[in-house]
Amino acid sequence: MNYDTLIPVIRALAIEAGNKIMEIYNSDDFDVKLKSDDSPVTIADEAADEIISYGLRSAFPEMLLVTEEQSESHKIKGDTFLIVDPLDGTKEFIHRRGDFTVNIALVENGVPTRGVVYAPAKGRMFYTLADGQTVEETGDMALDTPGPVSPINVSKADNGALMVVASKSHRDAATDAYINKYNVKDSKSAGSSLKFCLVATGEADIYPRVGRTMEWDTAAGHAVLNGAGGRVVRFDDHSPLVYGKEDYANPFFIAYAPGVDLKPA
């Protein structure tokens, strides 16, 4: 994969999809349906998926593409593939809380190597450059002309006063029990893949996820965190979280800055 070609394409597609999502978000009303697993889906999920999948297949016809909203793509197997969650945080979108993202990532040999996370309601955009470094873009998010970018890096964690971020919609007693093993200075909640990005920027030190996620939920945020010097490991044995699993389902995991002294599960 030519990263120099990939990055401008996924950046522009994330913005184009984000613009469509915001058009629907700001409308008077939109329908909410339930998928077979009882998770919600809206026309915004579907419209964003159509934009991104068409753009990726046009630009990279030889690449395998896995996307949340196309169940037939979940049968695809390969070492290298693009993976998409066109609207991560649908519950946040439905309740108009703003913590939703567009996620596009490239996975190579089980590792998310490049990715983009765009939070259109918050005006925040994170992506990996061709060399793997993660940046945050600011400005008006023009499709064809990137705004100013700043490299981002994880924090130098203080294990006596950690900053924790956890799920806004899925936080539970098990999550709190694990967080309580640490010396916590402050704890915040966020939706969608923004939690990875908050660790990547140093706004948080650790994000534990004790709950079900799928690879399309995490791949782009994982790539962004990797490019900022962070890590994502399995909750149970602290081995690296890998991709391309049989059903694209993740085990519980921990995303963190390397200075954090991880506690056992």
C-alpha atoms as a PDB file:
ATOM      1  CA  MET A   1       0.000   0.000   0.000  1.00  0.00           C
ATOM      2  CA  ASN A   2       1.283   3.450  -0.937  1.00  0.00           C
ATOM      3  CA  TYR A   3       0.700   5.487   2.224  1.00  0.00           C
ATOM      4  CA  ASP A   4       1.253   8.755   0.340  1.00  0.00           C
ATOM      5  CA  THR A   5      -1.795   7.911  -1.758  1.00  0.00           C
ATOM      6  CA  LEU A   6      -3.870   6.439   1.047  1.00  0.00           C
ATOM      7  CA  ILE A   7      -3.753   9.258   3.594  1.00  0.00           C
ATOM      8  CA  PRO A   8      -5.235  12.082   1.466  1.00  0.00           C
ATOM      9  CA  VAL A   9      -8.016   9.767   0.294  1.00  0.00           C
ATOM     10  CA  ILE A  10      -9.121   8.565   3.729  1.00  0.00           C
ATOM     11  CA  ARG A  11      -8.849  12.087   5.166  1.00  0.00           C
ATOM     12  CA  ALA A  12     -11.098  13.527   2.436  1.00  0.00           C
ATOM     13  CA  LEU A  13     -13.606  10.664   2.656  1.00  0.00           C
ATOM     14  CA  ALA A  14     -13.862  11.090   6.434  1.00  0.00           C
ATOM     15  CA  ILE A  15     -14.648  14.784   5.982  1.00  0.00           C
ATOM     16  CA  GLU A  16     -17.141  14.154   3.179  1.00  0.00           C
ATOM     17  CA  ALA A  17     -18.907  11.532   5.294  1.00  0.00           C
ATOM     18  CA  GLY A  18     -18.767  13.832   8.319  1.00  0.00           C
ATOM     19  CA  ASN A  19     -20.403  16.618   6.357  1.00  0.00           C
ATOM     20  CA  LYS A  20     -23.267  14.304   5.399  1.00  0.00           C
ATOM     21  CA  ILE A  21     -23.627  13.083   8.976  1.00  0.00           C
ATOM     22  CA  MET A  22     -23.857  16.664  10.252  1.00  0.00           C
ATOM     23  CA  GLU A  23     -26.463  17.545   7.620  1.00  0.00           C
ATOM     24  CA  ILE A  24     -28.661  14.770   9.031  1.00  0.00           C
ATOM     25  CA  TYR A  25     -27.701  15.517  12.653  1.00  0.00           C
ATOM     26  CA  ASN A  26     -28.871  19.122  12.252  1.00  0.00           C
ATOM     27  CA  SER A  27     -32.141  18.184  10.557  1.00  0.00           C
ATOM     28  CA  ASP A  28     -35.430  18.198  12.433  1.00  0.00           C
ATOM     29  CA  ASP A  29     -35.758  14.448  12.678  1.00  0.00           C
ATOM     30  CA  PHE A  30     -34.311  11.144  11.514  1.00  0.00           C
ATOM     31  CA  ASP A  31     -35.467   7.550  11.805  1.00  0.00           C
ATOM     32  CA  VAL A  32     -33.710   5.042  14.058  1.00  0.00           C
ATOM     33  CA  LYS A  33     -33.809   1.337  13.162  1.00  0.00           C
ATOM     34  CA  LEU A  34     -32.490  -1.718  14.987  1.00  0.00           C
ATOM     35  CA  LYS A  35     -30.066  -4.152  13.387  1.00  0.00           C
ATOM     36  CA  SER A  36     -30.172  -7.908  13.997  1.00  0.00           C
ATOM     37  CA  ASP A  37     -28.011  -7.505  17.122  1.00  0.00           C
ATOM     38  CA  ASP A  38     -30.392  -4.822  18.454  1.00  0.00           C
ATOM     39  CA  SER A  39     -27.842  -2.048  17.955  1.00  0.00           C
ATOM     40  CA  PRO A  40     -29.245   1.163  16.474  1.00  0.00           C
ATOM     41  CA  VAL A  41     -28.618   2.388  12.936  1.00  0.00           C
ATOM     42  CA  THR A  42     -29.721   5.609  11.226  1.00  0.00           C
ATOM     43  CA  ILE A  43     -29.750   6.995   7.720  1.00  0.00           C
ATOM     44  CA  ALA A  44     -26.586   8.854   8.704  1.00  0.00           C
ATOM     45  CA  ASP A  45     -24.733   5.548   9.253  1.00  0.00           C
ATOM     46  CA  GLU A  46     -25.940   4.307   5.886  1.00  0.00           C
ATOM     47  CA  ALA A  47     -25.232   7.516   3.960  1.00  0.00           C
ATOM     48  CA  ALA A  48     -21.729   7.822   5.419  1.00  0.00           C
ATOM     49  CA  ASP A  49     -21.025   4.185   4.615  1.00  0.00           C
ATOM     50  CA  GLU A  50     -22.096   4.693   1.011  1.00  0.00           C
ATOM     51  CA  ILE A  51     -19.751   7.680   0.622  1.00  0.00           C
ATOM     52  CA  ILE A  52     -16.755   5.962   2.191  1.00  0.00           C
ATOM     53  CA  SER A  53     -17.125   2.515   0.646  1.00  0.00           C
ATOM     54  CA  TYR A  54     -17.648   3.952  -2.844  1.00  0.00           C
ATOM     55  CA  GLY A  55     -14.623   6.215  -2.443  1.00  0.00           C
ATOM     56  CA  LEU A  56     -12.350   3.470  -1.133  1.00  0.00           C
ATOM     57  CA  ARG A  57     -13.395   0.940  -3.766  1.00  0.00           C
ATOM     58  CA  SER A  58     -12.859   3.528  -6.497  1.00  0.00           C
ATOM     59  CA  ALA A  59      -9.421   4.557  -5.226  1.00  0.00           C
ATOM     60  CA  PHE A  60      -8.183   1.109  -4.156  1.00  0.00           C
ATOM     61  CA  PRO A  61     -10.106  -1.527  -6.135  1.00  0.00           C
ATOM     62  CA  GLU A  62      -7.561  -4.216  -5.301  1.00  0.00           C
ATOM     63  CA  MET A  63      -7.932  -3.788  -1.522  1.00  0.00           C
ATOM     64  CA  LEU A  64     -10.214  -5.854   0.695  1.00  0.00           C
ATOM     65  CA  LEU A  65     -12.795  -3.677   2.441  1.00  0.00           C
ATOM     66  CA  VAL A  66     -14.564  -4.530   5.701  1.00  0.00           C
ATOM     67  CA  THR A  67     -17.258  -2.119   6.837  1.00  0.00           C
ATOM     68  CA  GLU A  68     -19.685  -2.358   9.733  1.00  0.00           C
ATOM     69  CA  GLU A  69     -22.790  -1.580   7.698  1.00  0.00           C
ATOM     70  CA  GLN A  70     -22.215  -4.252   5.021  1.00  0.00           C
ATOM     71  CA  SER A  71     -22.617  -7.622   6.708  1.00  0.00           C
ATOM     72  CA  GLU A  72     -21.390  -9.531   3.673  1.00  0.00           C
ATOM     73  CA  SER A  73     -18.006  -7.844   4.099  1.00  0.00           C
ATOM     74  CA  HIS A  74     -17.654  -9.455   7.543  1.00  0.00           C
ATOM     75  CA  LYS A  75     -16.916 -12.770   5.793  1.00  0.00           C
ATOM     76  CA  ILE A  76     -13.824 -11.303   4.104  1.00  0.00           C
ATOM     77  CA  LYS A  77     -10.485 -12.711   5.238  1.00  0.00           C
ATOM     78  CA  GLY A  78      -7.021 -11.418   4.461  1.00  0.00           C
ATOM     79  CA  ASP A  79      -3.789 -10.133   5.957  1.00  0.00           C
ATOM     80  CA  THR A  80      -4.222  -6.609   4.594  1.00  0.00           C
ATOM     81  CA  PHE A  81      -7.540  -4.786   4.485  1.00  0.00           C
ATOM     82  CA  LEU A  82      -9.298  -1.467   4.947  1.00  0.00           C
ATOM     83  CA  ILE A  83     -11.819  -1.374   7.790  1.00  0.00           C
ATOM     84  CA  VAL A  84     -14.524   1.229   8.341  1.00  0.00           C
ATOM     85  CA  ASP A  85     -17.016   2.339  10.941  1.00  0.00           C
ATOM     86  CA  PRO A  86     -18.835   5.131   9.108  1.00  0.00           C
ATOM     87  CA  LEU A  87     -20.503   6.446  12.270  1.00  0.00           C
ATOM     88  CA  ASP A  88     -19.021   5.215  15.524  1.00  0.00           C
ATOM     89  CA  GLY A  89     -21.127   6.249  18.499  1.00  0.00           C
ATOM     90  CA  THR A  90     -24.591   6.000  16.961  1.00  0.00           C
ATOM     91  CA  LYS A  91     -26.152   6.307  20.431  1.00  0.00           C
ATOM     92  CA  GLU A  92     -24.291   9.582  20.944  1.00  0.00           C
ATOM     93  CA  PHE A  93     -25.557  10.738  17.539  1.00  0.00           C
ATOM     94  CA  ILE A  94     -29.168   9.790  18.337  1.00  0.00           C
ATOM     95  CA  HIS A  95     -29.084  11.642  21.663  1.00  0.00           C
ATOM     96  CA  ARG A  96     -27.307  14.611  20.012  1.00  0.00           C
ATOM     97  CA  ARG A  97     -24.352  14.462  22.378  1.00  0.00           C
ATOM     98  CA  GLY A  98     -21.698  15.060  19.720  1.00  0.00           C
ATOM     99  CA  ASP A  99     -19.285  12.278  20.741  1.00  0.00           C
ATOM    100  CA  PHE A 100     -19.424  10.346  17.471  1.00  0.00           C
ATOM    101  CA  THR A 101     -16.736   9.736  14.893  1.00  0.00           C
ATOM    102  CA  VAL A 102     -15.965   8.578  11.378  1.00  0.00           C
ATOM    103  CA  ASN A 103     -13.336   5.811  11.439  1.00  0.00           C
ATOM    104  CA  ILE A 104     -11.255   4.516   8.520  1.00  0.00           C
ATOM    105  CA  ALA A 105      -8.156   2.357   8.985  1.00  0.00           C
ATOM    106  CA  LEU A 106      -5.676   0.160   7.167  1.00  0.00           C
ATOM    107  CA  VAL A 107      -4.738  -3.143   8.820  1.00  0.00           C
ATOM    108  CA  GLU A 108      -1.543  -4.916   7.764  1.00  0.00           C
ATOM    109  CA  ASN A 109      -0.590  -8.312   9.193  1.00  0.00           C
ATOM    110  CA  GLY A 110      -2.869  -7.880  12.188  1.00  0.00           C
ATOM    111  CA  VAL A 111      -1.782  -4.325  13.012  1.00  0.00           C
ATOM    112  CA  PRO A 112      -3.700  -1.082  12.325  1.00  0.00           C
ATOM    113  CA  THR A 113      -0.913   0.894  10.660  1.00  0.00           C
ATOM    114  CA  ARG A 114      -2.681   3.975   9.321  1.00  0.00           C
ATOM    115  CA  GLY A 115      -6.019   5.576  10.142  1.00  0.00           C
ATOM    116  CA  VAL A 116      -8.228   8.612  10.486  1.00  0.00           C
ATOM    117  CA  VAL A 117     -10.689   9.525  13.231  1.00  0.00           C
ATOM    118  CA  TYR A 118     -12.939  12.522  12.558  1.00  0.00           C
ATOM    119  CA  ALA A 119     -15.397  13.918  15.098  1.00  0.00           C
ATOM    120  CA  PRO A 120     -17.456  16.298  12.945  1.00  0.00           C
ATOM    121  CA  ALA A 121     -19.659  17.701  15.730  1.00  0.00           C
ATOM    122  CA  LYS A 122     -16.559  18.584  17.735  1.00  0.00           C
ATOM    123  CA  GLY A 123     -14.454  19.761  14.807  1.00  0.00           C
ATOM    124  CA  ARG A 124     -11.591  17.432  15.756  1.00  0.00           C
ATOM    125  CA  MET A 125      -9.616  15.427  13.210  1.00  0.00           C
ATOM    126  CA  PHE A 126      -6.807  12.974  13.937  1.00  0.00           C
ATOM    127  CA  TYR A 127      -4.876  10.918  11.407  1.00  0.00           C
ATOM    128  CA  THR A 128      -1.596   9.234  10.714  1.00  0.00           C
ATOM    129  CA  LEU A 129       0.720  10.686   8.135  1.00  0.00           C
ATOM    130  CA  ALA A 130       2.430   8.539   5.508  1.00  0.00           C
ATOM    131  CA  ASP A 131       5.431   8.100   7.838  1.00  0.00           C
ATOM    132  CA  GLY A 132       3.201   6.822  10.644  1.00  0.00           C
ATOM    133  CA  GLN A 133       3.289   9.906  12.891  1.00  0.00           C
ATOM    134  CA  THR A 134      -0.140  10.982  14.154  1.00  0.00           C
ATOM    135  CA  VAL A 135      -1.275  14.589  13.819  1.00  0.00           C
ATOM    136  CA  GLU A 136      -4.315  16.619  14.752  1.00  0.00           C
ATOM    137  CA  GLU A 137      -5.611  18.911  12.019  1.00  0.00           C
ATOM    138  CA  THR A 138      -7.267  22.228  12.783  1.00  0.00           C
ATOM    139  CA  GLY A 139      -9.035  24.706  10.526  1.00  0.00           C
ATOM    140  CA  ASP A 140     -12.133  24.475   8.382  1.00  0.00           C
ATOM    141  CA  MET A 141     -11.647  20.840   7.282  1.00  0.00           C
ATOM    142  CA  ALA A 142     -11.666  21.562   3.559  1.00  0.00           C
ATOM    143  CA  LEU A 143     -11.928  18.440   1.433  1.00  0.00           C
ATOM    144  CA  ASP A 144      -8.970  19.117  -0.841  1.00  0.00           C
ATOM    145  CA  THR A 145      -6.744  21.380   1.240  1.00  0.00           C
ATOM    146  CA  PRO A 146      -5.569  20.151   4.637  1.00  0.00           C
ATOM    147  CA  GLY A 147      -5.423  22.755   7.381  1.00  0.00           C
ATOM    148  CA  PRO A 148      -2.573  23.198   9.870  1.00  0.00           C
ATOM    149  CA  VAL A 149      -1.457  19.958  11.518  1.00  0.00           C
ATOM    150  CA  SER A 150       0.353  19.408  14.809  1.00  0.00           C
ATOM    151  CA  PRO A 151       2.090  16.152  15.801  1.00  0.00           C
ATOM    152  CA  ILE A 152       0.552  14.593  18.897  1.00  0.00           C
ATOM    153  CA  ASN A 153       2.147  12.331  21.484  1.00  0.00           C
ATOM    154  CA  VAL A 154       1.018  10.394  24.518  1.00  0.00           C
ATOM    155  CA  SER A 155       1.630  11.767  27.990  1.00  0.00           C
ATOM    156  CA  LYS A 156       4.486  11.004  30.354  1.00  0.00           C
ATOM    157  CA  ALA A 157       2.140   9.322  32.785  1.00  0.00           C
ATOM    158  CA  ASP A 158       2.316  10.010  36.522  1.00  0.00           C
ATOM    159  CA  ASN A 159       1.257   6.736  38.142  1.00  0.00           C
ATOM    160  CA  GLY A 160       0.406   8.614  41.315  1.00  0.00           C
ATOM    161  CA  ALA A 161      -2.121  10.822  39.519  1.00  0.00           C
ATOM    162  CA  LEU A 162      -3.459   9.210  36.367  1.00  0.00           C
ATOM    163  CA  MET A 163      -5.984  10.669  33.950  1.00  0.00           C
ATOM    164  CA  VAL A 164      -8.532   8.006  32.955  1.00  0.00           C
ATOM    165  CA  VAL A 165     -11.085   8.035  30.142  1.00  0.00           C
ATOM    166  CA  ALA A 166     -13.899   5.499  29.895  1.00  0.00           C
ATOM    167  CA  SER A 167     -16.954   4.844  27.771  1.00  0.00           C
ATOM    168  CA  LYS A 168     -19.868   7.243  28.082  1.00  0.00           C
ATOM    169  CA  SER A 169     -22.565   4.764  27.003  1.00  0.00           C
ATOM    170  CA  HIS A 170     -21.060   1.485  28.232  1.00  0.00           C
ATOM    171  CA  ARG A 171     -19.387   2.233  31.558  1.00  0.00           C
ATOM    172  CA  ASP A 172     -20.222  -0.380  34.191  1.00  0.00           C
ATOM    173  CA  ALA A 173     -19.231  -1.732  37.600  1.00  0.00           C
ATOM    174  CA  ALA A 174     -16.495  -3.950  36.124  1.00  0.00           C
ATOM    175  CA  THR A 175     -14.895  -0.938  34.456  1.00  0.00           C
ATOM    176  CA  ASP A 176     -15.039   1.068  37.683  1.00  0.00           C
ATOM    177  CA  ALA A 177     -13.571  -1.825  39.657  1.00  0.00           C
ATOM    178  CA  TYR A 178     -10.586  -1.950  37.332  1.00  0.00           C
ATOM    179  CA  ILE A 179     -10.112   1.836  37.346  1.00  0.00           C
ATOM    180  CA  ASN A 180     -10.115   1.730  41.150  1.00  0.00           C
ATOM    181  CA  LYS A 181      -6.887  -0.291  41.063  1.00  0.00           C
ATOM    182  CA  TYR A 182      -5.075   2.893  39.965  1.00  0.00           C
ATOM    183  CA  ASN A 183      -4.250   6.192  41.644  1.00  0.00           C
ATOM    184  CA  VAL A 184      -6.581   8.406  39.646  1.00  0.00           C
ATOM    185  CA  LYS A 185      -6.319  12.178  39.489  1.00  0.00           C
ATOM    186  CA  ASP A 186      -9.331  12.602  37.241  1.00  0.00           C
ATOM    187  CA  SER A 187     -11.734  10.453  35.253  1.00  0.00           C
ATOM    188  CA  LYS A 188     -13.742  11.527  32.249  1.00  0.00           C
ATOM    189  CA  SER A 189     -16.243   9.911  29.929  1.00  0.00           C
ATOM    190  CA  ALA A 190     -16.234  10.079  26.152  1.00  0.00           C
ATOM    191  CA  GLY A 191     -18.033   8.319  23.330  1.00  0.00           C
ATOM    192  CA  SER A 192     -16.786   6.391  20.319  1.00  0.00           C
ATOM    193  CA  SER A 193     -13.135   6.197  19.243  1.00  0.00           C
ATOM    194  CA  LEU A 194     -12.479   9.647  20.723  1.00  0.00           C
ATOM    195  CA  LYS A 195     -11.243   7.799  23.815  1.00  0.00           C
ATOM    196  CA  PHE A 196      -8.217   6.512  21.898  1.00  0.00           C
ATOM    197  CA  CYS A 197      -7.562  10.031  20.626  1.00  0.00           C
ATOM    198  CA  LEU A 198      -7.668  11.523  24.123  1.00  0.00           C
ATOM    199  CA  VAL A 199      -4.943   9.084  25.156  1.00  0.00           C
ATOM    200  CA  ALA A 200      -3.022   9.909  21.958  1.00  0.00           C
ATOM    201  CA  THR A 201      -3.027  13.644  22.727  1.00  0.00           C
ATOM    202  CA  GLY A 202      -2.095  13.184  26.374  1.00  0.00           C
ATOM    203  CA  GLU A 203      -5.508  14.370  27.584  1.00  0.00           C
ATOM    204  CA  ALA A 204      -5.826  10.939  29.228  1.00  0.00           C
ATOM    205  CA  ASP A 205      -3.308   8.284  30.223  1.00  0.00           C
ATOM    206  CA  ILE A 206      -5.385   5.117  30.072  1.00  0.00           C
ATOM    207  CA  TYR A 207      -8.636   3.829  28.556  1.00  0.00           C
ATOM    208  CA  PRO A 208      -9.772   0.387  29.766  1.00  0.00           C
ATOM    209  CA  ARG A 209     -12.588  -1.301  27.867  1.00  0.00           C
ATOM    210  CA  VAL A 210     -14.361  -4.092  29.715  1.00  0.00           C
ATOM    211  CA  GLY A 211     -17.087  -4.759  27.177  1.00  0.00           C
ATOM    212  CA  ARG A 212     -17.793  -5.947  23.666  1.00  0.00           C
ATOM    213  CA  THR A 213     -16.340  -4.074  20.697  1.00  0.00           C
ATOM    214  CA  MET A 214     -15.693  -4.954  17.079  1.00  0.00           C
ATOM    215  CA  GLU A 215     -12.560  -4.311  15.071  1.00  0.00           C
ATOM    216  CA  TRP A 216     -14.214  -1.532  13.055  1.00  0.00           C
ATOM    217  CA  ASP A 217     -14.911   0.266  16.350  1.00  0.00           C
ATOM    218  CA  THR A 218     -11.254   0.317  17.332  1.00  0.00           C
ATOM    219  CA  ALA A 219      -8.912   0.022  14.331  1.00  0.00           C
ATOM    220  CA  ALA A 220      -8.717   3.707  13.389  1.00  0.00           C
ATOM    221  CA  GLY A 221      -8.354   4.872  16.987  1.00  0.00           C
ATOM    222  CA  HIS A 222      -5.755   2.161  17.556  1.00  0.00           C
ATOM    223  CA  ALA A 223      -3.762   3.381  14.528  1.00  0.00           C
ATOM    224  CA  VAL A 224      -3.972   6.979  15.764  1.00  0.00           C
ATOM    225  CA  LEU A 225      -2.752   5.923  19.204  1.00  0.00           C
ATOM    226  CA  ASN A 226       0.066   3.804  17.760  1.00  0.00           C
ATOM    227  CA  GLY A 227       1.278   6.796  15.767  1.00  0.00           C
ATOM    228  CA  ALA A 228       1.339   8.923  18.928  1.00  0.00           C
ATOM    229  CA  GLY A 229       3.464   6.420  20.853  1.00  0.00           C
ATOM    230  CA  GLY A 230       0.664   4.582  22.648  1.00  0.00           C
ATOM    231  CA  ARG A 231      -0.272   0.934  22.935  1.00  0.00           C
ATOM    232  CA  VAL A 232      -3.374  -1.250  22.953  1.00  0.00           C
ATOM    233  CA  VAL A 233      -3.253  -4.648  24.670  1.00  0.00           C
ATOM    234  CA  ARG A 234      -5.637  -7.393  25.681  1.00  0.00           C
ATOM    235  CA  PHE A 235      -7.177  -6.964  29.113  1.00  0.00           C
ATOM    236  CA  ASP A 236      -6.461 -10.530  30.220  1.00  0.00           C
ATOM    237  CA  ASP A 237      -2.768 -11.052  29.456  1.00  0.00           C
ATOM    238  CA  HIS A 238      -1.554  -7.639  28.191  1.00  0.00           C
ATOM    239  CA  SER A 239      -0.507  -9.097  24.831  1.00  0.00           C
ATOM    240  CA  PRO A 240      -0.997  -6.857  21.759  1.00  0.00           C
ATOM    241  CA  LEU A 241      -4.534  -6.510  20.421  1.00  0.00           C
ATOM    242  CA  VAL A 242      -4.481  -7.994  16.921  1.00  0.00           C
ATOM    243  CA  TYR A 243      -6.839  -7.664  13.949  1.00  0.00           C
ATOM    244  CA  GLY A 244      -8.287  -9.930  11.307  1.00  0.00           C
ATOM    245  CA  LYS A 245      -9.842 -12.246  13.886  1.00  0.00           C
ATOM    246  CA  GLU A 246     -12.390 -14.856  12.820  1.00  0.00           C
ATOM    247  CA  ASP A 247     -15.521 -12.813  13.574  1.00  0.00           C
ATOM    248  CA  TYR A 248     -13.891  -9.359  13.889  1.00  0.00           C
ATOM    249  CA  ALA A 249     -14.867  -9.297  17.570  1.00  0.00           C
ATOM    250  CA  ASN A 250     -12.404  -7.892  20.100  1.00  0.00           C
ATOM    251  CA  PRO A 251     -11.581  -9.175  23.556  1.00  0.00           C
ATOM    252  CA  PHE A 252     -11.590  -6.655  26.402  1.00  0.00           C
ATOM    253  CA  PHE A 253      -8.598  -4.338  26.065  1.00  0.00           C
ATOM    254  CA  ILE A 254      -6.585  -1.467  27.541  1.00  0.00           C
ATOM    255  CA  ALA A 255      -5.328   1.532  25.549  1.00  0.00           C
ATOM    256  CA  TYR A 256      -2.624   3.461  27.357  1.00  0.00           C
ATOM    257  CA  ALA A 257       0.498   5.592  27.381  1.00  0.00           C
ATOM    258  CA  PRO A 258       3.551   3.325  27.856  1.00  0.00           C
ATOM    259  CA  GLY A 259       4.489   4.974  31.147  1.00  0.00           C
ATOM    260  CA  VAL A 260       1.377   3.596  32.847  1.00  0.00           C
ATOM    261  CA  ASP A 261       2.083   0.732  35.249  1.00  0.00           C
ATOM    262  CA  LEU A 262      -0.656  -1.662  34.105  1.00  0.00           C
ATOM    263  CA  LYS A 263      -2.527  -3.566  36.783  1.00  0.00           C
ATOM    264  CA  PRO A 264      -3.609  -7.197  36.302  1.00  0.00           C
ATOM    265  CA  ALA A 265      -7.185  -7.907  35.228  1.00  0.00           C
END
